[in-house]
Amino acid sequence: MSTTFPGELAEYRAARDRQLEQEIELRRAMEAVAAARRELPPGGLIPEDYVFQGAGADGTPTNVRLSELFAPGKDSPVIYSMMFSRYSDDERPGPEGGQAALLPLTEGPCPPCTAFLDQLDGAAEHASQRVNFAVVAKSPLQCILTFAKERGWRR
């Protein structure tokens, strides 16, 4: 049974009810795909232990192997690929201040990635209790670390 609102036309309500049914069907299909994904067999061995540049506990640059990103008891990796450098056709304004503002626009950080990581910084502490979390990007490590410090990212 659908809810009607004051001044609502019957034609609108009928069309909206049809759309709600489609949304319900879509949700069921998404749930079925998610269940099928969880049933997939393991994907196979990774051919090499990739090496990333990272920051040590004291903030100094260090090499980090993919295998080292897995803390004991946590076998689920969450790796976010930040577009830093951003997509070349992205003409939105870059950072207003800091070192990243001095970069050519195409070499700067992606605005949506920045917004997402602003929010994720606070949640990372909680998520990392269950999963291994890392952020990767193609820019030089010092550029990324400087930007993270300017944004106030703690993790």
C-alpha atoms as a PDB file:
ATOM      1  CA  MET A   1       0.000   0.000   0.000  1.00  0.00           C
ATOM      2  CA  SER A   2       1.523   3.304  -1.038  1.00  0.00           C
ATOM      3  CA  THR A   3       1.410   6.606   0.761  1.00  0.00           C
ATOM      4  CA  THR A   4      -0.125   9.579  -0.971  1.00  0.00           C
ATOM      5  CA  PHE A   5       0.702  13.171  -0.246  1.00  0.00           C
ATOM      6  CA  PRO A   6      -1.526  16.279  -0.345  1.00  0.00           C
ATOM      7  CA  GLY A   7      -1.876  17.576  -3.905  1.00  0.00           C
ATOM      8  CA  GLU A   8      -0.303  14.449  -5.379  1.00  0.00           C
ATOM      9  CA  LEU A   9      -1.643  13.480  -8.782  1.00  0.00           C
ATOM     10  CA  ALA A  10      -2.824   9.905  -9.314  1.00  0.00           C
ATOM     11  CA  GLU A  11      -0.654   9.693 -12.451  1.00  0.00           C
ATOM     12  CA  TYR A  12       2.442  10.628 -10.442  1.00  0.00           C
ATOM     13  CA  ARG A  13       1.605   8.123  -7.671  1.00  0.00           C
ATOM     14  CA  ALA A  14       1.109   5.279 -10.169  1.00  0.00           C
ATOM     15  CA  ALA A  15       4.423   6.091 -11.892  1.00  0.00           C
ATOM     16  CA  ARG A  16       6.208   6.383  -8.531  1.00  0.00           C
ATOM     17  CA  ASP A  17       4.791   3.043  -7.348  1.00  0.00           C
ATOM     18  CA  ARG A  18       6.072   1.393 -10.551  1.00  0.00           C
ATOM     19  CA  GLN A  19       9.487   2.935  -9.944  1.00  0.00           C
ATOM     20  CA  LEU A  20       9.516   1.692  -6.341  1.00  0.00           C
ATOM     21  CA  GLU A  21       8.852  -1.848  -7.603  1.00  0.00           C
ATOM     22  CA  GLN A  22      11.802  -1.489  -9.993  1.00  0.00           C
ATOM     23  CA  GLU A  23      13.989  -0.297  -7.122  1.00  0.00           C
ATOM     24  CA  ILE A  24      12.955  -3.331  -5.061  1.00  0.00           C
ATOM     25  CA  GLU A  25      13.778  -5.643  -7.985  1.00  0.00           C
ATOM     26  CA  LEU A  26      17.146  -3.912  -8.444  1.00  0.00           C
ATOM     27  CA  ARG A  27      17.975  -4.308  -4.752  1.00  0.00           C
ATOM     28  CA  ARG A  28      17.135  -8.009  -4.887  1.00  0.00           C
ATOM     29  CA  ALA A  29      19.356  -8.416  -7.959  1.00  0.00           C
ATOM     30  CA  MET A  30      22.206  -6.568  -6.198  1.00  0.00           C
ATOM     31  CA  GLU A  31      21.847  -8.830  -3.167  1.00  0.00           C
ATOM     32  CA  ALA A  32      21.948 -11.909  -5.405  1.00  0.00           C
ATOM     33  CA  VAL A  33      25.129 -10.670  -7.108  1.00  0.00           C
ATOM     34  CA  ALA A  34      26.712  -9.913  -3.711  1.00  0.00           C
ATOM     35  CA  ALA A  35      25.863 -13.425  -2.494  1.00  0.00           C
ATOM     36  CA  ALA A  36      27.376 -14.937  -5.663  1.00  0.00           C
ATOM     37  CA  ARG A  37      30.534 -12.834  -5.176  1.00  0.00           C
ATOM     38  CA  ARG A  38      30.922 -14.144  -1.617  1.00  0.00           C
ATOM     39  CA  GLU A  39      30.743 -17.707  -2.977  1.00  0.00           C
ATOM     40  CA  LEU A  40      33.567 -17.227  -5.491  1.00  0.00           C
ATOM     41  CA  PRO A  41      36.605 -19.471  -4.969  1.00  0.00           C
ATOM     42  CA  PRO A  42      39.970 -17.868  -4.128  1.00  0.00           C
ATOM     43  CA  GLY A  43      41.482 -15.991  -7.066  1.00  0.00           C
ATOM     44  CA  GLY A  44      44.948 -17.507  -6.946  1.00  0.00           C
ATOM     45  CA  LEU A  45      48.386 -16.595  -5.708  1.00  0.00           C
ATOM     46  CA  ILE A  46      49.874 -13.157  -6.269  1.00  0.00           C
ATOM     47  CA  PRO A  47      52.972 -13.696  -8.456  1.00  0.00           C
ATOM     48  CA  GLU A  48      55.246 -11.380  -6.493  1.00  0.00           C
ATOM     49  CA  ASP A  49      55.418  -9.524  -3.199  1.00  0.00           C
ATOM     50  CA  TYR A  50      54.964  -6.003  -4.577  1.00  0.00           C
ATOM     51  CA  VAL A  51      56.951  -3.203  -2.966  1.00  0.00           C
ATOM     52  CA  PHE A  52      55.442   0.224  -2.271  1.00  0.00           C
ATOM     53  CA  GLN A  53      57.043   3.367  -0.934  1.00  0.00           C
ATOM     54  CA  GLY A  54      55.469   4.195   2.374  1.00  0.00           C
ATOM     55  CA  ALA A  55      55.943   6.111   5.588  1.00  0.00           C
ATOM     56  CA  GLY A  56      57.322   4.467   8.693  1.00  0.00           C
ATOM     57  CA  ALA A  57      55.890   4.991  12.159  1.00  0.00           C
ATOM     58  CA  ASP A  58      58.071   8.110  12.528  1.00  0.00           C
ATOM     59  CA  GLY A  59      56.956   9.461   9.125  1.00  0.00           C
ATOM     60  CA  THR A  60      60.207   8.735   7.325  1.00  0.00           C
ATOM     61  CA  PRO A  61      60.034   7.127   3.866  1.00  0.00           C
ATOM     62  CA  THR A  62      60.416   3.366   3.818  1.00  0.00           C
ATOM     63  CA  ASN A  63      59.652   0.459   1.508  1.00  0.00           C
ATOM     64  CA  VAL A  64      56.612  -1.635   2.391  1.00  0.00           C
ATOM     65  CA  ARG A  65      55.924  -5.053   0.899  1.00  0.00           C
ATOM     66  CA  LEU A  66      52.360  -6.046   0.057  1.00  0.00           C
ATOM     67  CA  SER A  67      52.679  -8.950   2.499  1.00  0.00           C
ATOM     68  CA  GLU A  68      53.534  -6.464   5.264  1.00  0.00           C
ATOM     69  CA  LEU A  69      50.181  -4.718   4.818  1.00  0.00           C
ATOM     70  CA  PHE A  70      48.464  -7.700   6.432  1.00  0.00           C
ATOM     71  CA  ALA A  71      48.362  -7.425  10.206  1.00  0.00           C
ATOM     72  CA  PRO A  72      48.077 -10.655  12.207  1.00  0.00           C
ATOM     73  CA  GLY A  73      44.517 -11.958  12.323  1.00  0.00           C
ATOM     74  CA  LYS A  74      43.266  -9.665   9.540  1.00  0.00           C
ATOM     75  CA  ASP A  75      43.194 -11.234   6.085  1.00  0.00           C
ATOM     76  CA  SER A  76      41.015  -8.661   4.281  1.00  0.00           C
ATOM     77  CA  PRO A  77      42.831  -5.849   2.482  1.00  0.00           C
ATOM     78  CA  VAL A  78      41.129  -2.556   1.650  1.00  0.00           C
ATOM     79  CA  ILE A  79      43.309  -0.568  -0.731  1.00  0.00           C
ATOM     80  CA  TYR A  80      42.053   2.809  -1.928  1.00  0.00           C
ATOM     81  CA  SER A  81      43.684   4.157  -5.072  1.00  0.00           C
ATOM     82  CA  MET A  82      43.743   7.932  -4.757  1.00  0.00           C
ATOM     83  CA  MET A  83      43.980   9.784  -8.035  1.00  0.00           C
ATOM     84  CA  PHE A  84      46.954  11.976  -7.278  1.00  0.00           C
ATOM     85  CA  SER A  85      47.657  12.959 -10.099  1.00  0.00           C
ATOM     86  CA  ARG A  86      44.066  13.537 -11.036  1.00  0.00           C
ATOM     87  CA  TYR A  87      42.246  12.534 -14.207  1.00  0.00           C
ATOM     88  CA  SER A  88      43.650  14.736 -16.986  1.00  0.00           C
ATOM     89  CA  ASP A  89      40.238  16.074 -18.140  1.00  0.00           C
ATOM     90  CA  ASP A  90      39.223  17.119 -14.593  1.00  0.00           C
ATOM     91  CA  GLU A  91      39.032  20.923 -14.649  1.00  0.00           C
ATOM     92  CA  ARG A  92      37.582  21.462 -11.169  1.00  0.00           C
ATOM     93  CA  PRO A  93      39.612  23.807  -8.984  1.00  0.00           C
ATOM     94  CA  GLY A  94      42.513  22.342  -7.056  1.00  0.00           C
ATOM     95  CA  PRO A  95      43.501  22.993  -3.444  1.00  0.00           C
ATOM     96  CA  GLU A  96      43.332  26.644  -2.415  1.00  0.00           C
ATOM     97  CA  GLY A  97      46.474  26.526  -0.297  1.00  0.00           C
ATOM     98  CA  GLY A  98      49.479  24.460   0.619  1.00  0.00           C
ATOM     99  CA  GLN A  99      52.088  22.787  -1.547  1.00  0.00           C
ATOM    100  CA  ALA A 100      49.534  20.943  -3.708  1.00  0.00           C
ATOM    101  CA  ALA A 101      48.079  24.311  -4.772  1.00  0.00           C
ATOM    102  CA  LEU A 102      51.428  25.070  -6.424  1.00  0.00           C
ATOM    103  CA  LEU A 103      51.221  21.992  -8.660  1.00  0.00           C
ATOM    104  CA  PRO A 104      49.831  22.129 -12.194  1.00  0.00           C
ATOM    105  CA  LEU A 105      46.158  21.182 -12.008  1.00  0.00           C
ATOM    106  CA  THR A 106      46.725  17.828 -13.765  1.00  0.00           C
ATOM    107  CA  GLU A 107      49.402  16.866 -11.219  1.00  0.00           C
ATOM    108  CA  GLY A 108      47.295  17.746  -8.190  1.00  0.00           C
ATOM    109  CA  PRO A 109      44.979  15.630  -6.077  1.00  0.00           C
ATOM    110  CA  CYS A 110      41.519  14.563  -7.245  1.00  0.00           C
ATOM    111  CA  PRO A 111      38.817  16.599  -5.423  1.00  0.00           C
ATOM    112  CA  PRO A 112      36.408  13.658  -4.824  1.00  0.00           C
ATOM    113  CA  CYS A 113      39.281  11.436  -3.651  1.00  0.00           C
ATOM    114  CA  THR A 114      40.343  14.194  -1.265  1.00  0.00           C
ATOM    115  CA  ALA A 115      36.799  14.569   0.088  1.00  0.00           C
ATOM    116  CA  PHE A 116      36.454  10.801   0.518  1.00  0.00           C
ATOM    117  CA  LEU A 117      39.771  10.511   2.369  1.00  0.00           C
ATOM    118  CA  ASP A 118      38.879  13.524   4.548  1.00  0.00           C
ATOM    119  CA  GLN A 119      35.899  11.503   5.775  1.00  0.00           C
ATOM    120  CA  LEU A 120      37.711   8.180   5.884  1.00  0.00           C
ATOM    121  CA  ASP A 121      40.517   9.489   8.067  1.00  0.00           C
ATOM    122  CA  GLY A 122      38.251   9.408  11.115  1.00  0.00           C
ATOM    123  CA  ALA A 123      36.708   6.048  10.245  1.00  0.00           C
ATOM    124  CA  ALA A 124      40.047   4.386   9.432  1.00  0.00           C
ATOM    125  CA  GLU A 125      40.813   3.751  13.108  1.00  0.00           C
ATOM    126  CA  HIS A 126      37.589   1.790  13.488  1.00  0.00           C
ATOM    127  CA  ALA A 127      37.803  -0.028  10.133  1.00  0.00           C
ATOM    128  CA  SER A 128      41.399  -1.063  10.789  1.00  0.00           C
ATOM    129  CA  GLN A 129      40.226  -3.115  13.767  1.00  0.00           C
ATOM    130  CA  ARG A 130      38.840  -5.620  11.223  1.00  0.00           C
ATOM    131  CA  VAL A 131      40.601  -4.971   7.915  1.00  0.00           C
ATOM    132  CA  ASN A 132      44.016  -3.947   6.632  1.00  0.00           C
ATOM    133  CA  PHE A 133      43.654  -0.473   5.140  1.00  0.00           C
ATOM    134  CA  ALA A 134      46.053   1.358   2.814  1.00  0.00           C
ATOM    135  CA  VAL A 135      45.886   4.286   0.394  1.00  0.00           C
ATOM    136  CA  VAL A 136      47.998   4.242  -2.756  1.00  0.00           C
ATOM    137  CA  ALA A 137      48.715   6.947  -5.346  1.00  0.00           C
ATOM    138  CA  LYS A 138      51.112   7.521  -8.237  1.00  0.00           C
ATOM    139  CA  SER A 139      52.618  10.807  -7.035  1.00  0.00           C
ATOM    140  CA  PRO A 140      55.987  10.984  -5.276  1.00  0.00           C
ATOM    141  CA  LEU A 141      55.696   9.861  -1.670  1.00  0.00           C
ATOM    142  CA  GLN A 142      56.867  13.179  -0.186  1.00  0.00           C
ATOM    143  CA  CYS A 143      54.198  15.023  -2.186  1.00  0.00           C
ATOM    144  CA  ILE A 144      51.509  12.685  -0.849  1.00  0.00           C
ATOM    145  CA  LEU A 145      52.775  12.906   2.746  1.00  0.00           C
ATOM    146  CA  THR A 146      52.915  16.710   2.566  1.00  0.00           C
ATOM    147  CA  PHE A 147      49.358  16.866   1.235  1.00  0.00           C
ATOM    148  CA  ALA A 148      48.145  14.446   3.915  1.00  0.00           C
ATOM    149  CA  LYS A 149      49.748  16.598   6.620  1.00  0.00           C
ATOM    150  CA  GLU A 150      48.206  19.765   5.160  1.00  0.00           C
ATOM    151  CA  ARG A 151      44.770  18.078   5.153  1.00  0.00           C
ATOM    152  CA  GLY A 152      45.226  16.980   8.762  1.00  0.00           C
ATOM    153  CA  TRP A 153      45.024  13.285   7.921  1.00  0.00           C
ATOM    154  CA  ARG A 154      46.327  11.283  10.853  1.00  0.00           C
ATOM    155  CA  ARG A 155      46.219   7.799   9.351  1.00  0.00           C
END
